[in-house]
Amino acid sequence: MSIEREITQEELTRALRRETSHKLRKRLKAMRLILNGNSSRAICSRVGIKRAQLFQWVHSFETKGLAGLLDLKRSEERRVGKE
């Protein structure tokens, strides 16, 4: 699995250090594991998510960068608020 976006391990590590949201930290960790060359199965097992979720995160990250991972968080909050 790979990411079609220019970002370094260092940039992801800095973002992880700043982030306080557990959900966003999981997404950032998954992106970092991809950059380290881990398989999608290994990442899902380690992070505790399904592969479909990982692919959604990767797509959002590739199209919008770190902001794409933040957008996912906001859209989830809107769905929860509607229930």
C-alpha atoms as a PDB file:
ATOM      1  CA  MET A   1       0.000   0.000   0.000  1.00  0.00           C
ATOM      2  CA  SER A   2       1.260   3.487  -0.726  1.00  0.00           C
ATOM      3  CA  ILE A   3       0.222   7.116  -0.506  1.00  0.00           C
ATOM      4  CA  GLU A   4       0.183   9.286  -3.610  1.00  0.00           C
ATOM      5  CA  ARG A   5       1.011  12.479  -1.730  1.00  0.00           C
ATOM      6  CA  GLU A   6       4.215  14.281  -0.900  1.00  0.00           C
ATOM      7  CA  ILE A   7       4.647  14.122   2.861  1.00  0.00           C
ATOM      8  CA  THR A   8       7.521  13.028   5.023  1.00  0.00           C
ATOM      9  CA  GLN A   9       7.682  10.874   8.129  1.00  0.00           C
ATOM     10  CA  GLU A  10       8.859  13.948  10.003  1.00  0.00           C
ATOM     11  CA  GLU A  11       5.787  15.968   8.979  1.00  0.00           C
ATOM     12  CA  LEU A  12       3.453  13.189  10.110  1.00  0.00           C
ATOM     13  CA  THR A  13       5.350  12.812  13.377  1.00  0.00           C
ATOM     14  CA  ARG A  14       5.046  16.551  14.069  1.00  0.00           C
ATOM     15  CA  ALA A  15       1.314  16.426  13.345  1.00  0.00           C
ATOM     16  CA  LEU A  16       0.952  13.440  15.703  1.00  0.00           C
ATOM     17  CA  ARG A  17       2.737  15.288  18.507  1.00  0.00           C
ATOM     18  CA  ARG A  18       0.435  18.307  18.174  1.00  0.00           C
ATOM     19  CA  GLU A  19      -2.826  16.397  17.849  1.00  0.00           C
ATOM     20  CA  THR A  20      -4.948  15.699  20.919  1.00  0.00           C
ATOM     21  CA  SER A  21      -7.901  13.967  19.241  1.00  0.00           C
ATOM     22  CA  HIS A  22      -7.646  10.179  19.615  1.00  0.00           C
ATOM     23  CA  LYS A  23      -9.515   9.600  16.334  1.00  0.00           C
ATOM     24  CA  LEU A  24      -7.256  11.894  14.337  1.00  0.00           C
ATOM     25  CA  ARG A  25      -4.157  10.391  15.946  1.00  0.00           C
ATOM     26  CA  LYS A  26      -5.293   6.955  14.714  1.00  0.00           C
ATOM     27  CA  ARG A  27      -5.583   8.315  11.175  1.00  0.00           C
ATOM     28  CA  LEU A  28      -2.160   9.938  11.330  1.00  0.00           C
ATOM     29  CA  LYS A  29      -0.597   6.745  12.709  1.00  0.00           C
ATOM     30  CA  ALA A  30      -2.133   4.767   9.848  1.00  0.00           C
ATOM     31  CA  MET A  31      -0.645   7.170   7.271  1.00  0.00           C
ATOM     32  CA  ARG A  32       2.753   6.900   8.953  1.00  0.00           C
ATOM     33  CA  LEU A  33       2.565   3.100   8.911  1.00  0.00           C
ATOM     34  CA  ILE A  34       1.816   3.217   5.180  1.00  0.00           C
ATOM     35  CA  LEU A  35       4.889   5.381   4.605  1.00  0.00           C
ATOM     36  CA  ASN A  36       6.893   2.785   6.568  1.00  0.00           C
ATOM     37  CA  GLY A  37       5.823   0.158   4.033  1.00  0.00           C
ATOM     38  CA  ASN A  38       3.380  -1.828   6.171  1.00  0.00           C
ATOM     39  CA  SER A  39       0.636  -3.834   4.469  1.00  0.00           C
ATOM     40  CA  SER A  40      -2.977  -2.724   4.724  1.00  0.00           C
ATOM     41  CA  ARG A  41      -3.798  -5.831   6.787  1.00  0.00           C
ATOM     42  CA  ALA A  42      -0.991  -5.131   9.240  1.00  0.00           C
ATOM     43  CA  ILE A  43      -2.053  -1.485   9.564  1.00  0.00           C
ATOM     44  CA  CYS A  44      -5.697  -2.380  10.149  1.00  0.00           C
ATOM     45  CA  SER A  45      -4.745  -4.918  12.776  1.00  0.00           C
ATOM     46  CA  ARG A  46      -2.441  -2.501  14.558  1.00  0.00           C
ATOM     47  CA  VAL A  47      -4.772   0.512  14.427  1.00  0.00           C
ATOM     48  CA  GLY A  48      -7.956  -1.493  15.018  1.00  0.00           C
ATOM     49  CA  ILE A  49      -9.952  -0.622  11.900  1.00  0.00           C
ATOM     50  CA  LYS A  50     -11.400  -2.368   8.849  1.00  0.00           C
ATOM     51  CA  ARG A  51      -9.679  -2.178   5.467  1.00  0.00           C
ATOM     52  CA  ALA A  52     -12.548  -0.198   3.915  1.00  0.00           C
ATOM     53  CA  GLN A  53     -12.033   2.483   6.563  1.00  0.00           C
ATOM     54  CA  LEU A  54      -8.303   2.597   5.870  1.00  0.00           C
ATOM     55  CA  PHE A  55      -8.910   3.039   2.148  1.00  0.00           C
ATOM     56  CA  GLN A  56     -11.346   5.888   2.868  1.00  0.00           C
ATOM     57  CA  TRP A  57      -8.731   7.611   5.034  1.00  0.00           C
ATOM     58  CA  VAL A  58      -6.051   7.158   2.381  1.00  0.00           C
ATOM     59  CA  HIS A  59      -8.318   8.575  -0.338  1.00  0.00           C
ATOM     60  CA  SER A  60      -9.163  11.627   1.792  1.00  0.00           C
ATOM     61  CA  PHE A  61      -5.506  12.112   2.664  1.00  0.00           C
ATOM     62  CA  GLU A  62      -4.392  11.815  -0.966  1.00  0.00           C
ATOM     63  CA  THR A  63      -6.959  14.322  -2.215  1.00  0.00           C
ATOM     64  CA  LYS A  64      -6.815  16.877   0.615  1.00  0.00           C
ATOM     65  CA  GLY A  65      -3.709  16.106   2.666  1.00  0.00           C
ATOM     66  CA  LEU A  66      -3.891  16.473   6.442  1.00  0.00           C
ATOM     67  CA  ALA A  67      -7.017  18.598   6.009  1.00  0.00           C
ATOM     68  CA  GLY A  68      -8.735  15.554   4.487  1.00  0.00           C
ATOM     69  CA  LEU A  69      -8.250  13.643   7.718  1.00  0.00           C
ATOM     70  CA  LEU A  70      -9.694  16.575   9.641  1.00  0.00           C
ATOM     71  CA  ASP A  71     -12.673  16.730   7.250  1.00  0.00           C
ATOM     72  CA  LEU A  72     -13.481  13.106   8.099  1.00  0.00           C
ATOM     73  CA  LYS A  73     -13.572  13.995  11.779  1.00  0.00           C
ATOM     74  CA  ARG A  74     -15.990  16.851  11.187  1.00  0.00           C
ATOM     75  CA  SER A  75     -18.289  14.807   8.947  1.00  0.00           C
ATOM     76  CA  GLU A  76     -18.459  12.083  11.611  1.00  0.00           C
ATOM     77  CA  GLU A  77     -19.381  14.648  14.250  1.00  0.00           C
ATOM     78  CA  ARG A  78     -22.198  15.979  12.037  1.00  0.00           C
ATOM     79  CA  ARG A  79     -23.604  12.452  11.575  1.00  0.00           C
ATOM     80  CA  VAL A  80     -23.548  11.806  15.321  1.00  0.00           C
ATOM     81  CA  GLY A  81     -25.283  15.121  15.963  1.00  0.00           C
ATOM     82  CA  LYS A  82     -28.156  14.174  13.663  1.00  0.00           C
ATOM     83  CA  GLU A  83     -29.012  10.996  15.580  1.00  0.00           C
END
